[in-house]
């Protein structure tokens, strides 16, 4: 049983030319950068900043963003090399298939399905929180049963997923235009937060910048970071340990540049434009994250920050509710783009897996009118709506992070493998300092993974076991890279 059979780079590219499964090339470097900013700038600024500052890092949350940004930067260079060399939908899944083999590719694809579907649901819940906050500021309170901190069914979150699914079915260029308008709106609001917030910063709120480490209920038992349990460290929040624990959480805010890679197949000049889109969007967003986090913890004592809508609530606390309303509008626009691009990435990964036969190939059919995988988009939209409507925010965010970090580990290792196995392969972009840089990326990602709660690891392993069972009962036997006698079964 050859579970490590690889799919050559040349074959991956040839598969994109099949008319029935061919995506339209409509995107430019600007489109990709805007997609990247669209998905990266969102939850980290508008939601997670308050949560991790209040519960884990205090004012030092800015350092947590820097740590997460550096780790992402290492992985981003590896992604840029792969995406420019193999401009095919699927991102880490496709890269793994070309380097490590079919089973590792399946595992990473299965992992990406978890990451992107849950991420879209998480951000939809954050979007709902800001909608409720904005409506409340103008005197319209939504019933607690359908919106707010703990609704029975999160109706606004479900509705936004439905609307964006329709847009994605209608075409990649329409999605790009909608994304551009919303990105411009939210960047303007982010800059407003930074500039206006500076007038309300109090130096006392930065003291202590790194709060003293304390044991808290937030990190007791299986909620404690795995590294604390493995090495017998007393579970704590805040302090230096809290900074890294927070970095493992705010890492969620940076997922997105890898989704730029999933759109490589729909890019007009992917060898040139994909690396620009990945690295450009990540650099811009890291600067914005650090600036906003410093402002918000300077405006309001970290112990008093809101965990559902920290930016708008911080302006309300200093007596400027009108600014809070504007921020809520920007947050709504910002989180909308995040959900849009996450859903886009999810469909492209699943599209690649179906096209390879590891999942039903019929689902990879491209709609002749819209040029999009409409069936897959509708299925993913329906699943994401269900998750957004009924699952809590915090637990999902941590599960998304471990999935993303695992993908980064595989891609970083894959760069080293492909350099060894295919040194002759043309590379429009080459990551510097190979193998040192990919090794550092692997180690940094593993360290952040160890800082995630033990219960997140348990849930992640359960998902992986389900994936392994599905591969050996379906994927292996229907794979298009199988031996000739097996191909007849696909």
Protein backbone atom coordinates (compact mmCIF):
# COMPACT_ATOMS: atom_id res chain seq x y z
CA UNK A 1 0.00 0.00 0.00
CA UNK A 2 1.80 3.11 -1.26
CA UNK A 3 0.42 5.95 0.84
CA UNK A 4 3.42 8.18 0.10
CA UNK A 5 2.96 8.29 -3.67
CA UNK A 6 3.60 11.83 -4.87
CA UNK A 7 1.97 13.94 -7.52
CA UNK A 8 4.56 15.73 -9.62
CA UNK A 9 4.57 19.50 -9.96
CA UNK A 10 4.06 19.09 -13.70
CA UNK A 11 0.99 16.87 -13.19
CA UNK A 12 -0.48 19.32 -10.68
CA UNK A 13 -0.19 22.10 -13.23
CA UNK A 14 -1.63 19.93 -16.04
CA UNK A 15 -4.69 19.19 -13.91
CA UNK A 16 -5.54 22.89 -13.89
CA UNK A 17 -6.03 22.74 -17.68
CA UNK A 18 -8.94 20.25 -17.56
CA UNK A 19 -11.90 22.32 -18.91
CA UNK A 20 -14.41 20.74 -16.52
CA UNK A 21 -12.24 21.53 -13.49
CA UNK A 22 -10.54 24.73 -14.64
CA UNK A 23 -10.74 27.91 -12.57
CA UNK A 24 -10.65 31.27 -14.37
CA UNK A 25 -7.51 33.41 -14.08
CA UNK A 26 -8.76 36.86 -13.09
CA UNK A 27 -6.59 38.05 -10.16
CA UNK A 28 -3.63 40.46 -10.01
CA UNK A 29 -1.02 41.27 -7.34
CA UNK A 30 -3.27 44.07 -6.08
CA UNK A 31 -6.21 41.70 -5.81
CA UNK A 32 -4.09 39.21 -3.84
CA UNK A 33 -2.71 41.84 -1.48
CA UNK A 34 -6.20 43.15 -0.82
CA UNK A 35 -7.41 39.60 -0.24
CA UNK A 36 -4.57 39.13 2.21
CA UNK A 37 -5.30 42.34 4.10
CA UNK A 38 -8.99 41.52 3.88
CA UNK A 39 -8.58 38.27 5.74
CA UNK A 40 -5.74 39.20 8.11
CA UNK A 41 -7.03 42.53 9.44
CA UNK A 42 -10.12 41.55 11.31
CA UNK A 43 -10.52 39.36 14.33
CA UNK A 44 -7.08 40.14 15.73
CA UNK A 45 -7.75 43.86 15.93
CA UNK A 46 -11.48 43.96 16.44
CA UNK A 47 -12.00 41.01 18.81
CA UNK A 48 -8.94 39.13 20.10
CA UNK A 49 -7.03 42.21 21.27
CA UNK A 50 -9.33 42.71 24.25
CA UNK A 51 -9.64 39.02 25.08
CA UNK A 52 -5.95 38.18 25.33
CA UNK A 53 -4.95 41.48 26.94
CA UNK A 54 -7.53 40.98 29.70
CA UNK A 55 -6.93 37.27 30.28
CA UNK A 56 -3.31 36.48 29.35
CA UNK A 57 -0.84 39.26 28.52
CA UNK A 58 -1.99 42.68 29.76
CA UNK A 59 -0.47 45.67 27.91
CA UNK A 60 2.28 43.34 26.64
CA UNK A 61 -0.22 42.00 24.10
CA UNK A 62 1.68 44.17 21.59
CA UNK A 63 4.71 41.92 22.11
CA UNK A 64 2.47 38.89 21.57
CA UNK A 65 1.47 40.31 18.17
CA UNK A 66 5.13 40.84 17.27
CA UNK A 67 6.01 37.25 18.24
CA UNK A 68 3.13 35.87 16.19
CA UNK A 69 4.06 38.13 13.27
CA UNK A 70 7.67 36.93 13.26
CA UNK A 71 6.58 33.28 13.26
CA UNK A 72 4.19 34.00 10.40
CA UNK A 73 6.92 35.84 8.51
CA UNK A 74 9.15 32.77 8.54
CA UNK A 75 6.33 30.58 7.28
CA UNK A 76 5.26 33.23 4.73
CA UNK A 77 8.63 33.05 2.96
CA UNK A 78 8.19 29.27 2.62
CA UNK A 79 4.64 29.69 1.32
CA UNK A 80 5.82 32.29 -1.20
CA UNK A 81 8.38 29.89 -2.67
CA UNK A 82 5.87 27.06 -2.97
CA UNK A 83 3.01 29.17 -4.33
CA UNK A 84 5.16 30.72 -7.06
CA UNK A 85 6.58 27.30 -8.01
CA UNK A 86 3.30 25.36 -7.90
CA UNK A 87 0.55 27.89 -8.77
CA UNK A 88 -2.29 25.46 -8.10
CA UNK A 89 -5.35 25.68 -5.84
CA UNK A 90 -4.99 23.90 -2.51
CA UNK A 91 -2.12 25.74 -0.82
CA UNK A 92 -0.41 23.53 1.79
CA UNK A 93 -2.33 20.46 0.60
CA UNK A 94 -1.00 20.78 -2.95
CA UNK A 95 2.54 21.59 -1.75
CA UNK A 96 2.55 18.51 0.52
CA UNK A 97 1.34 16.23 -2.29
CA UNK A 98 4.32 17.27 -4.41
CA UNK A 99 6.90 16.76 -1.66
CA UNK A 100 5.81 14.43 1.14
CA UNK A 101 3.25 12.21 -0.58
CA UNK A 102 -0.47 11.51 -0.72
CA UNK A 103 -1.16 10.54 2.90
CA UNK A 104 0.67 13.55 4.40
CA UNK A 105 -1.14 15.71 1.82
CA UNK A 106 -4.48 14.25 2.90
CA UNK A 107 -3.66 14.91 6.55
CA UNK A 108 -2.78 18.53 5.83
CA UNK A 109 -5.84 18.96 3.61
CA UNK A 110 -8.06 17.50 6.32
CA UNK A 111 -6.36 19.86 8.76
CA UNK A 112 -7.04 22.84 6.47
CA UNK A 113 -10.71 21.90 6.24
CA UNK A 114 -10.88 22.19 10.03
CA UNK A 115 -8.87 25.40 10.10
CA UNK A 116 -10.76 27.35 7.47
CA UNK A 117 -14.31 26.21 8.21
CA UNK A 118 -13.93 26.89 11.93
CA UNK A 119 -12.12 30.17 11.29
CA UNK A 120 -14.97 31.43 9.12
CA UNK A 121 -17.46 30.44 11.83
CA UNK A 122 -15.39 32.12 14.56
CA UNK A 123 -15.16 35.39 12.68
CA UNK A 124 -18.86 35.28 11.85
CA UNK A 125 -19.56 35.13 15.58
CA UNK A 126 -17.27 38.14 16.10
CA UNK A 127 -19.10 39.95 13.28
CA UNK A 128 -22.39 39.26 15.05
CA UNK A 129 -21.03 40.76 18.27
CA UNK A 130 -20.14 44.02 16.55
CA UNK A 131 -23.50 44.20 14.77
CA UNK A 132 -25.25 43.80 18.12
CA UNK A 133 -22.98 46.43 19.70
CA UNK A 134 -23.58 48.95 16.89
CA UNK A 135 -27.36 48.46 16.89
CA UNK A 136 -27.41 48.81 20.68
CA UNK A 137 -25.54 52.14 20.44
CA UNK A 138 -28.38 53.56 18.34
CA UNK A 139 -31.11 52.15 20.55
CA UNK A 140 -31.89 48.89 18.75
CA UNK A 141 -31.24 45.91 21.02
CA UNK A 142 -31.32 42.47 19.43
CA UNK A 143 -32.89 39.70 21.55
CA UNK A 144 -30.30 37.89 23.69
CA UNK A 145 -31.50 34.57 22.28
CA UNK A 146 -30.26 35.38 18.75
CA UNK A 147 -27.24 37.67 19.36
CA UNK A 148 -24.88 38.81 22.10
CA UNK A 149 -22.54 36.96 24.45
CA UNK A 150 -24.28 33.56 24.64
CA UNK A 151 -27.20 33.32 22.18
CA UNK A 152 -29.22 30.16 21.69
CA UNK A 153 -28.84 30.53 17.91
CA UNK A 154 -26.55 33.22 16.51
CA UNK A 155 -28.78 34.45 13.69
CA UNK A 156 -26.67 37.42 12.46
CA UNK A 157 -23.63 35.15 12.15
CA UNK A 158 -25.60 32.71 10.03
CA UNK A 159 -27.00 35.44 7.80
CA UNK A 160 -23.59 36.93 6.95
CA UNK A 161 -22.27 33.49 5.95
CA UNK A 162 -25.31 33.00 3.70
CA UNK A 163 -24.82 36.37 1.97
CA UNK A 164 -21.11 35.81 1.35
CA UNK A 165 -21.69 32.29 0.04
CA UNK A 166 -23.96 33.77 -2.64
CA UNK A 167 -21.24 36.29 -3.62
CA UNK A 168 -18.58 33.56 -3.86
CA UNK A 169 -20.78 31.42 -6.07
CA UNK A 170 -21.29 34.41 -8.39
CA UNK A 171 -17.60 34.68 -9.31
CA UNK A 172 -14.04 35.39 -8.14
CA UNK A 173 -13.87 38.89 -9.66
CA UNK A 174 -17.11 39.98 -7.97
CA UNK A 175 -15.73 38.64 -4.70
CA UNK A 176 -12.54 40.63 -5.29
CA UNK A 177 -14.45 43.89 -5.91
CA UNK A 178 -16.65 43.49 -2.84
CA UNK A 179 -13.53 42.70 -0.82
CA UNK A 180 -11.73 45.84 -2.09
CA UNK A 181 -14.56 48.17 -1.03
CA UNK A 182 -14.78 46.62 2.42
CA UNK A 183 -10.99 46.60 2.93
CA UNK A 184 -10.73 50.31 2.14
CA UNK A 185 -13.48 50.96 4.69
CA UNK A 186 -11.89 48.98 7.49
CA UNK A 187 -8.36 50.30 6.93
CA UNK A 188 -9.74 53.83 7.19
CA UNK A 189 -11.38 52.90 10.49
CA UNK A 190 -8.22 51.22 11.80
CA UNK A 191 -6.24 54.38 11.08
CA UNK A 192 -8.97 56.40 12.81
CA UNK A 193 -8.63 54.18 15.89
CA UNK A 194 -4.87 54.74 15.99
CA UNK A 195 -5.00 58.51 15.49
CA UNK A 196 -8.08 59.28 17.61
CA UNK A 197 -7.12 56.81 20.31
CA UNK A 198 -3.77 58.52 20.90
CA UNK A 199 -5.64 61.48 22.41
CA UNK A 200 -7.08 59.24 25.15
CA UNK A 201 -4.00 57.18 26.02
CA UNK A 202 -3.00 57.30 29.68
CA UNK A 203 0.55 56.30 30.59
CA UNK A 204 -0.71 54.72 33.82
CA UNK A 205 -2.58 52.10 31.83
CA UNK A 206 0.74 50.70 30.58
CA UNK A 207 1.93 49.98 34.12
CA UNK A 208 2.86 47.25 34.68
CA UNK A 209 3.53 46.58 31.01
CA UNK A 210 4.07 42.90 31.77
CA UNK A 211 1.74 42.07 34.69
CA UNK A 212 2.99 39.66 37.35
CA UNK A 213 2.26 36.03 36.56
CA UNK A 214 -0.75 34.67 38.45
CA UNK A 215 -2.68 31.40 38.55
CA UNK A 216 -6.12 31.88 37.06
CA UNK A 217 -9.14 29.76 36.25
CA UNK A 218 -8.53 30.58 32.58
CA UNK A 219 -5.54 28.22 32.56
CA UNK A 220 -6.45 25.48 35.04
CA UNK A 221 -6.49 21.76 34.18
CA UNK A 222 -6.74 20.99 30.45
CA UNK A 223 -7.18 24.71 29.79
CA UNK A 224 -3.49 25.20 30.65
CA UNK A 225 -0.98 25.45 27.79
CA UNK A 226 0.38 21.99 26.97
CA UNK A 227 3.98 23.10 27.57
CA UNK A 228 3.11 23.99 31.18
CA UNK A 229 1.63 20.54 31.79
CA UNK A 230 4.47 18.66 30.06
CA UNK A 231 7.22 20.35 32.07
CA UNK A 232 5.38 20.66 35.37
CA UNK A 233 5.20 24.45 35.23
CA UNK A 234 2.53 25.94 37.48
CA UNK A 235 -0.32 27.02 35.15
CA UNK A 236 -0.32 30.82 35.04
CA UNK A 237 -1.53 33.76 33.03
CA UNK A 238 0.41 37.00 32.47
CA UNK A 239 4.15 37.33 32.94
CA UNK A 240 6.52 36.23 30.17
CA UNK A 241 4.70 32.91 29.86
CA UNK A 242 1.46 34.83 29.36
CA UNK A 243 2.98 36.74 26.44
CA UNK A 244 3.73 33.52 24.57
CA UNK A 245 0.40 31.96 25.51
CA UNK A 246 -1.26 35.10 24.12
CA UNK A 247 0.92 34.90 20.98
CA UNK A 248 -0.41 31.39 20.38
CA UNK A 249 -3.96 32.80 20.54
CA UNK A 250 -3.49 36.03 18.56
CA UNK A 251 -1.74 33.93 15.95
CA UNK A 252 -5.30 33.37 14.75
CA UNK A 253 -5.30 37.00 13.68
CA UNK A 254 -2.54 36.37 11.14
CA UNK A 255 -4.01 33.44 9.28
CA UNK A 256 -4.76 34.67 5.83
CA UNK A 257 -1.55 35.01 3.89
CA UNK A 258 -1.71 31.25 3.38
CA UNK A 259 -5.16 31.74 1.85
CA UNK A 260 -3.56 34.05 -0.72
CA UNK A 261 -1.67 30.93 -1.83
CA UNK A 262 -4.93 29.05 -2.40
CA UNK A 263 -5.85 31.63 -5.06
CA UNK A 264 -2.64 31.07 -7.05
CA UNK A 265 -4.46 29.08 -9.72
CA UNK A 266 -6.78 32.03 -10.38
CA UNK A 267 -3.93 34.55 -10.67
CA UNK A 268 -2.89 35.91 -14.06
CA UNK A 269 0.86 35.94 -13.27
CA UNK A 270 1.21 33.77 -10.15
CA UNK A 271 5.01 33.41 -10.21
CA UNK A 272 5.39 37.16 -9.72
CA UNK A 273 2.21 38.23 -7.99
CA UNK A 274 1.59 35.54 -5.35
CA UNK A 275 4.81 36.21 -3.35
CA UNK A 276 4.03 39.95 -3.48
CA UNK A 277 0.52 39.36 -2.23
CA UNK A 278 1.63 37.08 0.61
CA UNK A 279 4.55 39.12 1.95
CA UNK A 280 3.01 42.54 1.32
CA UNK A 281 -0.24 41.84 3.13
CA UNK A 282 1.53 40.27 6.11
CA UNK A 283 3.93 43.21 6.56
CA UNK A 284 1.16 45.83 6.41
CA UNK A 285 -1.05 43.95 8.84
CA UNK A 286 1.65 43.32 11.44
CA UNK A 287 2.35 47.07 11.72
CA UNK A 288 -1.37 47.83 12.08
CA UNK A 289 -1.84 45.14 14.74
CA UNK A 290 0.95 46.37 16.96
CA UNK A 291 -0.15 50.01 16.67
CA UNK A 292 -3.79 49.29 17.49
CA UNK A 293 -2.99 47.00 20.41
CA UNK A 294 -0.77 49.66 21.99
CA UNK A 295 -3.50 52.28 21.61
CA UNK A 296 -6.36 50.22 23.00
CA UNK A 297 -4.51 49.07 26.15
CA UNK A 298 -3.40 52.68 26.63
CA UNK A 299 -6.96 53.97 26.43
CA UNK A 300 -8.47 51.56 28.93
CA UNK A 301 -7.05 49.50 31.77
CA UNK A 302 -6.48 45.97 30.47
CA UNK A 303 -8.55 44.49 33.31
CA UNK A 304 -11.57 46.50 32.10
CA UNK A 305 -11.36 45.73 28.39
CA UNK A 306 -14.35 44.18 26.63
CA UNK A 307 -13.80 40.71 25.18
CA UNK A 308 -16.53 40.94 22.53
CA UNK A 309 -16.02 44.43 21.02
CA UNK A 310 -12.93 45.92 22.72
CA UNK A 311 -12.22 48.84 20.36
CA UNK A 312 -15.69 50.34 20.18
CA UNK A 313 -16.30 49.72 23.87
CA UNK A 314 -13.00 51.44 24.74
CA UNK A 315 -14.17 54.64 23.00
CA UNK A 316 -17.53 54.38 24.74
CA UNK A 317 -15.67 54.16 28.07
CA UNK A 318 -13.87 57.46 27.39
CA UNK A 319 -17.15 59.20 26.52
CA UNK A 320 -17.10 59.10 22.72
CA UNK A 321 -19.89 56.75 21.75
CA UNK A 322 -20.11 58.30 18.25
CA UNK A 323 -16.59 57.03 17.53
CA UNK A 324 -17.65 53.65 18.87
CA UNK A 325 -20.40 53.55 16.25
CA UNK A 326 -17.93 54.35 13.44
CA UNK A 327 -15.56 51.67 14.72
CA UNK A 328 -18.36 49.15 14.80
CA UNK A 329 -19.11 49.94 11.14
CA UNK A 330 -15.43 49.41 10.30
CA UNK A 331 -15.32 46.22 12.32
CA UNK A 332 -18.37 44.90 10.54
CA UNK A 333 -16.78 45.69 7.16
CA UNK A 334 -13.49 44.21 8.31
CA UNK A 335 -14.87 40.99 9.66
CA UNK A 336 -17.03 40.61 6.56
CA UNK A 337 -13.93 40.46 4.37
CA UNK A 338 -12.33 37.93 6.70
CA UNK A 339 -15.29 35.58 6.41
CA UNK A 340 -15.39 36.10 2.64
CA UNK A 341 -11.74 35.16 2.08
CA UNK A 342 -11.81 32.28 4.57
CA UNK A 343 -14.75 30.76 2.72
CA UNK A 344 -12.87 31.30 -0.55
CA UNK A 345 -9.80 29.50 0.79
CA UNK A 346 -11.89 26.66 2.15
CA UNK A 347 -13.58 26.00 -1.18
CA UNK A 348 -10.27 26.02 -3.08
CA UNK A 349 -8.62 23.50 -0.74
CA UNK A 350 -11.62 21.17 -0.90
CA UNK A 351 -11.78 21.71 -4.68
CA UNK A 352 -8.17 20.50 -5.04
CA UNK A 353 -8.82 17.42 -2.87
CA UNK A 354 -11.95 16.52 -4.85
CA UNK A 355 -10.17 17.05 -8.18
CA UNK A 356 -7.52 14.57 -7.03
CA UNK A 357 -10.23 12.02 -6.15
CA UNK A 358 -9.51 11.91 -2.42
CA UNK A 359 -13.05 13.18 -1.93
CA UNK A 360 -15.92 12.79 -4.46
CA UNK A 361 -14.57 14.15 -7.76
CA UNK A 362 -18.03 15.21 -8.94
CA UNK A 363 -17.95 18.00 -6.34
CA UNK A 364 -14.99 19.62 -8.13
CA UNK A 365 -17.03 20.53 -11.20
CA UNK A 366 -16.74 24.22 -12.10
CA UNK A 367 -19.99 26.01 -12.88
CA UNK A 368 -19.78 27.02 -16.59
CA UNK A 369 -21.64 30.29 -16.00
CA UNK A 370 -19.81 31.61 -12.96
CA UNK A 371 -16.44 29.84 -13.30
CA UNK A 372 -16.53 28.80 -9.63
CA UNK A 373 -16.93 25.46 -7.81
CA UNK A 374 -20.53 26.31 -6.97
CA UNK A 375 -21.50 22.98 -5.42
CA UNK A 376 -18.60 23.00 -3.00
CA UNK A 377 -19.18 26.65 -2.13
CA UNK A 378 -22.81 25.97 -1.22
CA UNK A 379 -21.91 22.91 0.88
CA UNK A 380 -19.20 24.78 2.75
CA UNK A 381 -21.48 27.75 3.27
CA UNK A 382 -24.15 25.52 4.80
CA UNK A 383 -21.70 23.81 7.18
CA UNK A 384 -20.17 27.13 8.23
CA UNK A 385 -23.62 28.58 8.90
CA UNK A 386 -24.37 25.69 11.25
CA UNK A 387 -21.07 26.15 13.10
CA UNK A 388 -21.50 29.91 13.37
CA UNK A 389 -25.02 29.55 14.71
CA UNK A 390 -24.36 27.06 17.49
CA UNK A 391 -20.67 26.92 18.56
CA UNK A 392 -18.83 29.18 21.03
CA UNK A 393 -16.07 31.58 19.95
CA UNK A 394 -13.08 30.94 22.22
CA UNK A 395 -12.83 27.18 21.83
CA UNK A 396 -13.00 27.45 18.04
CA UNK A 397 -10.27 30.11 17.82
CA UNK A 398 -7.77 27.89 19.63
CA UNK A 399 -8.63 24.86 17.48
CA UNK A 400 -8.12 26.95 14.34
CA UNK A 401 -4.69 28.04 15.57
CA UNK A 402 -3.34 24.53 16.09
CA UNK A 403 -4.53 23.58 12.61
CA UNK A 404 -2.85 26.59 11.05
CA UNK A 405 0.43 26.05 12.88
CA UNK A 406 0.46 22.39 11.86
CA UNK A 407 0.05 23.45 8.22
CA UNK A 408 2.94 25.90 8.59
CA UNK A 409 5.17 23.14 9.98
CA UNK A 410 4.46 20.88 7.00
CA UNK A 411 4.95 23.61 4.39
CA UNK A 412 8.22 24.77 5.97
CA UNK A 413 9.57 21.21 6.00
CA UNK A 414 8.33 20.73 2.43
CA UNK A 415 10.54 23.55 1.15
CA UNK A 416 13.63 21.65 2.31
CA UNK A 417 12.38 18.40 0.76
CA UNK A 418 11.57 19.96 -2.63
CA UNK A 419 14.95 21.71 -2.75
CA UNK A 420 16.58 18.28 -2.31
CA UNK A 421 14.34 16.24 -4.61
CA UNK A 422 13.80 18.81 -7.38
CA UNK A 423 16.77 21.21 -7.39
CA UNK A 424 16.21 21.72 -11.13
CA UNK A 425 12.68 23.05 -10.73
CA UNK A 426 12.28 26.70 -11.84
CA UNK A 427 11.54 28.90 -8.83
CA UNK A 428 10.32 32.45 -9.44
CA UNK A 429 10.79 33.19 -5.73
CA UNK A 430 13.28 31.46 -3.43
CA UNK A 431 13.11 31.63 0.36
CA UNK A 432 16.46 32.83 1.78
CA UNK A 433 18.77 30.85 4.07
CA UNK A 434 17.39 27.39 3.29
CA UNK A 435 17.49 25.07 5.25
CA UNK A 436 18.03 27.37 8.26
CA UNK A 437 14.95 29.54 7.74
CA UNK A 438 12.49 26.64 7.28
CA UNK A 439 13.97 24.88 10.34
CA UNK A 440 13.47 28.04 12.43
CA UNK A 441 9.93 28.27 11.10
CA UNK A 442 9.19 24.67 12.14
CA UNK A 443 10.62 25.17 15.62
CA UNK A 444 8.80 28.47 16.16
CA UNK A 445 5.46 26.98 15.06
CA UNK A 446 5.92 23.93 17.27
CA UNK A 447 6.69 26.16 20.24
CA UNK A 448 3.50 28.16 19.73
CA UNK A 449 1.56 24.91 19.36
CA UNK A 450 2.86 23.80 22.75
CA UNK A 451 1.52 27.03 24.23
CA UNK A 452 -2.03 26.13 23.23
CA UNK A 453 -4.34 24.50 25.82
CA UNK A 454 -4.11 20.73 26.27
CA UNK A 455 -7.83 20.35 25.51
CA UNK A 456 -7.19 21.93 22.09
CA UNK A 457 -4.63 19.21 21.37
CA UNK A 458 -7.14 16.55 22.36
CA UNK A 459 -9.79 17.93 20.00
CA UNK A 460 -7.23 18.30 17.21
CA UNK A 461 -6.07 14.68 17.57
CA UNK A 462 -9.68 13.44 17.49
CA UNK A 463 -10.22 15.32 14.21
CA UNK A 464 -7.02 13.83 12.78
CA UNK A 465 -8.09 10.29 13.69
CA UNK A 466 -11.40 10.82 11.89
CA UNK A 467 -9.43 12.00 8.86
CA UNK A 468 -7.16 8.94 8.88
CA UNK A 469 -10.17 6.61 8.95
CA UNK A 470 -11.79 8.48 6.03
CA UNK A 471 -8.59 8.32 3.99
CA UNK A 472 -8.18 4.56 4.31
CA UNK A 473 -11.87 3.86 3.69
CA UNK A 474 -12.34 6.23 0.73
CA UNK A 475 -9.50 8.54 -0.28
CA UNK A 476 -6.80 5.93 -0.90
CA UNK A 477 -9.03 3.80 -3.11
CA UNK A 478 -10.33 6.68 -5.24
CA UNK A 479 -7.12 8.66 -5.66
CA UNK A 480 -6.25 9.63 -9.25
CA UNK A 481 -2.54 9.13 -8.49
CA UNK A 482 -3.18 5.45 -7.70
CA UNK A 483 -1.81 2.57 -9.75
CA UNK A 484 -3.63 1.82 -13.05
CA UNK A 485 -5.77 -0.95 -11.57
CA UNK A 486 -6.97 1.45 -8.91
CA UNK A 487 -7.78 4.33 -11.27
CA UNK A 488 -10.77 2.50 -12.64
CA UNK A 489 -12.41 2.87 -9.25
CA UNK A 490 -12.15 6.67 -9.14
